[in-house]
Amino acid sequence: MQKPYRVVEYDSGPKGMPGMEALINEKAAEGYALHQVIERSTYQWVLIFKREPGRS
């Protein structure tokens, strides 16, 4: 059984957000939708993904 939520810590570094977009797309391919983003500092983020209904 898959977990209903995934929490991922992300460090964007000075290069910015392109890597975060790739991570979001990767999790979407695994059946997770972005649920919430929390900014911890300038470059550090916590992304919370929720399992999409009907995906196992």
PDB file of N, CA and C in Angstrom:
ATOM      1  N   MET A   1       0.831  -1.187   0.000  1.00  0.00           N
ATOM      2  CA  MET A   1       0.000   0.000   0.000  1.00  0.00           C
ATOM      3  C   MET A   1       0.876   1.251   0.000  1.00  0.00           C
ATOM      4  N   GLN A   2       0.561   2.184  -0.860  1.00  0.00           N
ATOM      5  CA  GLN A   2       1.307   3.430  -0.965  1.00  0.00           C
ATOM      6  C   GLN A   2       0.934   4.382   0.159  1.00  0.00           C
ATOM      7  N   LYS A   3       1.871   5.213   0.572  1.00  0.00           N
ATOM      8  CA  LYS A   3       1.608   6.224   1.587  1.00  0.00           C
ATOM      9  C   LYS A   3       0.735   7.321   0.983  1.00  0.00           C
ATOM     10  N   PRO A   4      -0.239   7.856   1.755  1.00  0.00           N
ATOM     11  CA  PRO A   4      -1.104   8.902   1.199  1.00  0.00           C
ATOM     12  C   PRO A   4      -0.401  10.246   1.040  1.00  0.00           C
ATOM     13  N   TYR A   5       0.688  10.469   1.792  1.00  0.00           N
ATOM     14  CA  TYR A   5       1.435  11.727   1.694  1.00  0.00           C
ATOM     15  C   TYR A   5       2.921  11.432   1.587  1.00  0.00           C
ATOM     16  N   ARG A   6       3.630  12.312   0.924  1.00  0.00           N
ATOM     17  CA  ARG A   6       5.094  12.271   0.862  1.00  0.00           C
ATOM     18  C   ARG A   6       5.600  13.660   1.228  1.00  0.00           C
ATOM     19  N   VAL A   7       6.607  13.722   2.085  1.00  0.00           N
ATOM     20  CA  VAL A   7       7.219  14.982   2.477  1.00  0.00           C
ATOM     21  C   VAL A   7       8.651  14.962   1.955  1.00  0.00           C
ATOM     22  N   VAL A   8       9.007  16.004   1.189  1.00  0.00           N
ATOM     23  CA  VAL A   8      10.330  16.078   0.580  1.00  0.00           C
ATOM     24  C   VAL A   8      10.959  17.416   0.931  1.00  0.00           C
ATOM     25  N   GLU A   9      12.161  17.369   1.508  1.00  0.00           N
ATOM     26  CA  GLU A   9      12.910  18.596   1.745  1.00  0.00           C
ATOM     27  C   GLU A   9      13.688  18.903   0.473  1.00  0.00           C
ATOM     28  N   TYR A  10      13.694  20.164   0.085  1.00  0.00           N
ATOM     29  CA  TYR A  10      14.339  20.552  -1.164  1.00  0.00           C
ATOM     30  C   TYR A  10      15.188  21.794  -0.946  1.00  0.00           C
ATOM     31  N   ASP A  11      16.401  21.768  -1.455  1.00  0.00           N
ATOM     32  CA  ASP A  11      17.311  22.910  -1.404  1.00  0.00           C
ATOM     33  C   ASP A  11      17.503  23.385  -2.838  1.00  0.00           C
ATOM     34  N   SER A  12      16.912  24.541  -3.165  1.00  0.00           N
ATOM     35  CA  SER A  12      16.967  25.037  -4.546  1.00  0.00           C
ATOM     36  C   SER A  12      18.321  25.618  -4.902  1.00  0.00           C
ATOM     37  N   GLY A  13      19.094  26.024  -3.897  1.00  0.00           N
ATOM     38  CA  GLY A  13      20.394  26.631  -4.153  1.00  0.00           C
ATOM     39  C   GLY A  13      20.253  27.896  -4.968  1.00  0.00           C
ATOM     40  N   PRO A  14      21.357  28.523  -5.296  1.00  0.00           N
ATOM     41  CA  PRO A  14      21.296  29.797  -6.024  1.00  0.00           C
ATOM     42  C   PRO A  14      20.820  29.670  -7.469  1.00  0.00           C
ATOM     43  N   LYS A  15      20.704  28.446  -7.994  1.00  0.00           N
ATOM     44  CA  LYS A  15      20.252  28.273  -9.379  1.00  0.00           C
ATOM     45  C   LYS A  15      18.756  28.466  -9.536  1.00  0.00           C
ATOM     46  N   GLY A  16      18.003  28.403  -8.431  1.00  0.00           N
ATOM     47  CA  GLY A  16      16.579  28.693  -8.509  1.00  0.00           C
ATOM     48  C   GLY A  16      15.682  27.482  -8.595  1.00  0.00           C
ATOM     49  N   MET A  17      14.535  27.673  -9.249  1.00  0.00           N
ATOM     50  CA  MET A  17      13.442  26.722  -9.199  1.00  0.00           C
ATOM     51  C   MET A  17      13.349  25.647 -10.284  1.00  0.00           C
ATOM     52  N   PRO A  18      14.125  25.659 -11.340  1.00  0.00           N
ATOM     53  CA  PRO A  18      13.939  24.616 -12.360  1.00  0.00           C
ATOM     54  C   PRO A  18      14.014  23.197 -11.796  1.00  0.00           C
ATOM     55  N   GLY A  19      14.885  22.966 -10.837  1.00  0.00           N
ATOM     56  CA  GLY A  19      14.983  21.641 -10.230  1.00  0.00           C
ATOM     57  C   GLY A  19      13.752  21.273  -9.437  1.00  0.00           C
ATOM     58  N   MET A  20      13.139  22.279  -8.794  1.00  0.00           N
ATOM     59  CA  MET A  20      11.924  22.020  -8.031  1.00  0.00           C
ATOM     60  C   MET A  20      10.789  21.630  -8.970  1.00  0.00           C
ATOM     61  N   GLU A  21      10.713  22.277 -10.099  1.00  0.00           N
ATOM     62  CA  GLU A  21       9.693  21.930 -11.089  1.00  0.00           C
ATOM     63  C   GLU A  21       9.880  20.491 -11.565  1.00  0.00           C
ATOM     64  N   ALA A  22      11.113  20.080 -11.774  1.00  0.00           N
ATOM     65  CA  ALA A  22      11.395  18.713 -12.199  1.00  0.00           C
ATOM     66  C   ALA A  22      10.978  17.725 -11.110  1.00  0.00           C
ATOM     67  N   LEU A  23      11.240  18.066  -9.851  1.00  0.00           N
ATOM     68  CA  LEU A  23      10.841  17.207  -8.740  1.00  0.00           C
ATOM     69  C   LEU A  23       9.320  17.067  -8.673  1.00  0.00           C
ATOM     70  N   ILE A  24       8.604  18.173  -8.845  1.00  0.00           N
ATOM     71  CA  ILE A  24       7.143  18.149  -8.829  1.00  0.00           C
ATOM     72  C   ILE A  24       6.619  17.259  -9.959  1.00  0.00           C
ATOM     73  N   ASN A  25       7.214  17.372 -11.140  1.00  0.00           N
ATOM     74  CA  ASN A  25       6.802  16.533 -12.267  1.00  0.00           C
ATOM     75  C   ASN A  25       7.109  15.056 -12.023  1.00  0.00           C
ATOM     76  N   GLU A  26       8.247  14.786 -11.389  1.00  0.00           N
ATOM     77  CA  GLU A  26       8.624  13.407 -11.075  1.00  0.00           C
ATOM     78  C   GLU A  26       7.609  12.783 -10.112  1.00  0.00           C
ATOM     79  N   LYS A  27       7.230  13.530  -9.077  1.00  0.00           N
ATOM     80  CA  LYS A  27       6.255  13.018  -8.111  1.00  0.00           C
ATOM     81  C   LYS A  27       4.880  12.871  -8.761  1.00  0.00           C
ATOM     82  N   ALA A  28       4.529  13.750  -9.679  1.00  0.00           N
ATOM     83  CA  ALA A  28       3.255  13.636 -10.394  1.00  0.00           C
ATOM     84  C   ALA A  28       3.224  12.332 -11.195  1.00  0.00           C
ATOM     85  N   ALA A  29       4.349  11.972 -11.792  1.00  0.00           N
ATOM     86  CA  ALA A  29       4.428  10.716 -12.552  1.00  0.00           C
ATOM     87  C   ALA A  29       4.265   9.505 -11.629  1.00  0.00           C
ATOM     88  N   GLU A  30       4.603   9.665 -10.354  1.00  0.00           N
ATOM     89  CA  GLU A  30       4.443   8.600  -9.367  1.00  0.00           C
ATOM     90  C   GLU A  30       3.028   8.584  -8.773  1.00  0.00           C
ATOM     91  N   GLY A  31       2.194   9.554  -9.169  1.00  0.00           N
ATOM     92  CA  GLY A  31       0.811   9.589  -8.697  1.00  0.00           C
ATOM     93  C   GLY A  31       0.554  10.537  -7.548  1.00  0.00           C
ATOM     94  N   TYR A  32       1.486  11.443  -7.286  1.00  0.00           N
ATOM     95  CA  TYR A  32       1.328  12.404  -6.197  1.00  0.00           C
ATOM     96  C   TYR A  32       1.100  13.807  -6.750  1.00  0.00           C
ATOM     97  N   ALA A  33       0.168  14.527  -6.120  1.00  0.00           N
ATOM     98  CA  ALA A  33      -0.087  15.919  -6.484  1.00  0.00           C
ATOM     99  C   ALA A  33       0.517  16.814  -5.411  1.00  0.00           C
ATOM    100  N   LEU A  34       1.048  17.947  -5.820  1.00  0.00           N
ATOM    101  CA  LEU A  34       1.595  18.896  -4.852  1.00  0.00           C
ATOM    102  C   LEU A  34       0.462  19.410  -3.982  1.00  0.00           C
ATOM    103  N   HIS A  35       0.628  19.278  -2.677  1.00  0.00           N
ATOM    104  CA  HIS A  35      -0.414  19.664  -1.726  1.00  0.00           C
ATOM    105  C   HIS A  35      -0.072  20.975  -1.026  1.00  0.00           C
ATOM    106  N   GLN A  36       1.200  21.131  -0.618  1.00  0.00           N
ATOM    107  CA  GLN A  36       1.602  22.332   0.105  1.00  0.00           C
ATOM    108  C   GLN A  36       3.099  22.534  -0.040  1.00  0.00           C
ATOM    109  N   VAL A  37       3.522  23.806  -0.053  1.00  0.00           N
ATOM    110  CA  VAL A  37       4.934  24.159  -0.083  1.00  0.00           C
ATOM    111  C   VAL A  37       5.207  25.094   1.087  1.00  0.00           C
ATOM    112  N   ILE A  38       6.240  24.788   1.844  1.00  0.00           N
ATOM    113  CA  ILE A  38       6.614  25.604   2.987  1.00  0.00           C
ATOM    114  C   ILE A  38       8.034  26.101   2.753  1.00  0.00           C
ATOM    115  N   GLU A  39       8.223  27.408   2.800  1.00  0.00           N
ATOM    116  CA  GLU A  39       9.560  27.990   2.652  1.00  0.00           C
ATOM    117  C   GLU A  39      10.216  28.037   4.027  1.00  0.00           C
ATOM    118  N   ARG A  40      11.371  27.370   4.155  1.00  0.00           N
ATOM    119  CA  ARG A  40      12.095  27.361   5.427  1.00  0.00           C
ATOM    120  C   ARG A  40      13.136  28.467   5.477  1.00  0.00           C
ATOM    121  N   SER A  41      13.749  28.764   4.342  1.00  0.00           N
ATOM    122  CA  SER A  41      14.726  29.845   4.244  1.00  0.00           C
ATOM    123  C   SER A  41      14.814  30.229   2.768  1.00  0.00           C
ATOM    124  N   THR A  42      15.775  31.056   2.421  1.00  0.00           N
ATOM    125  CA  THR A  42      15.884  31.530   1.045  1.00  0.00           C
ATOM    126  C   THR A  42      15.930  30.388   0.041  1.00  0.00           C
ATOM    127  N   TYR A  43      16.679  29.341   0.343  1.00  0.00           N
ATOM    128  CA  TYR A  43      16.854  28.246  -0.610  1.00  0.00           C
ATOM    129  C   TYR A  43      16.252  26.922  -0.154  1.00  0.00           C
ATOM    130  N   GLN A  44      15.754  26.832   1.059  1.00  0.00           N
ATOM    131  CA  GLN A  44      15.271  25.564   1.576  1.00  0.00           C
ATOM    132  C   GLN A  44      13.747  25.547   1.657  1.00  0.00           C
ATOM    133  N   TRP A  45      13.195  24.453   1.155  1.00  0.00           N
ATOM    134  CA  TRP A  45      11.751  24.295   1.062  1.00  0.00           C
ATOM    135  C   TRP A  45      11.352  22.922   1.562  1.00  0.00           C
ATOM    136  N   VAL A  46      10.103  22.799   2.002  1.00  0.00           N
ATOM    137  CA  VAL A  46       9.503  21.504   2.307  1.00  0.00           C
ATOM    138  C   VAL A  46       8.297  21.377   1.389  1.00  0.00           C
ATOM    139  N   LEU A  47       8.270  20.322   0.602  1.00  0.00           N
ATOM    140  CA  LEU A  47       7.157  20.082  -0.320  1.00  0.00           C
ATOM    141  C   LEU A  47       6.360  18.894   0.205  1.00  0.00           C
ATOM    142  N   ILE A  48       5.059  19.065   0.283  1.00  0.00           N
ATOM    143  CA  ILE A  48       4.177  17.999   0.741  1.00  0.00           C
ATOM    144  C   ILE A  48       3.316  17.579  -0.442  1.00  0.00           C
ATOM    145  N   PHE A  49       3.379  16.292  -0.755  1.00  0.00           N
ATOM    146  CA  PHE A  49       2.636  15.728  -1.872  1.00  0.00           C
ATOM    147  C   PHE A  49       1.548  14.816  -1.327  1.00  0.00           C
ATOM    148  N   LYS A  50       0.391  14.817  -1.967  1.00  0.00           N
ATOM    149  CA  LYS A  50      -0.715  13.950  -1.587  1.00  0.00           C
ATOM    150  C   LYS A  50      -0.999  12.984  -2.722  1.00  0.00           C
ATOM    151  N   ARG A  51      -1.259  11.755  -2.379  1.00  0.00           N
ATOM    152  CA  ARG A  51      -1.563  10.722  -3.369  1.00  0.00           C
ATOM    153  C   ARG A  51      -2.850  11.107  -4.098  1.00  0.00           C
ATOM    154  N   GLU A  52      -2.835  11.081  -5.414  1.00  0.00           N
ATOM    155  CA  GLU A  52      -4.021  11.404  -6.187  1.00  0.00           C
ATOM    156  C   GLU A  52      -5.047  10.283  -6.055  1.00  0.00           C
ATOM    157  N   PRO A  53      -6.322  10.629  -5.905  1.00  0.00           N
ATOM    158  CA  PRO A  53      -7.364   9.590  -5.782  1.00  0.00           C
ATOM    159  C   PRO A  53      -7.351   8.652  -6.995  1.00  0.00           C
ATOM    160  N   GLY A  54      -7.542   7.374  -6.699  1.00  0.00           N
ATOM    161  CA  GLY A  54      -7.611   6.390  -7.770  1.00  0.00           C
ATOM    162  C   GLY A  54      -6.265   5.894  -8.249  1.00  0.00           C
ATOM    163  N   ARG A  55      -5.168   6.406  -7.702  1.00  0.00           N
ATOM    164  CA  ARG A  55      -3.824   5.945  -8.101  1.00  0.00           C
ATOM    165  C   ARG A  55      -3.294   5.017  -7.008  1.00  0.00           C
ATOM    166  N   SER A  56      -2.795   3.887  -7.404  1.00  0.00           N
ATOM    167  CA  SER A  56      -2.265   2.950  -6.396  1.00  0.00           C
ATOM    168  C   SER A  56      -0.821   2.655  -6.649  1.00  0.00           C
TER     169      SER A  56
END
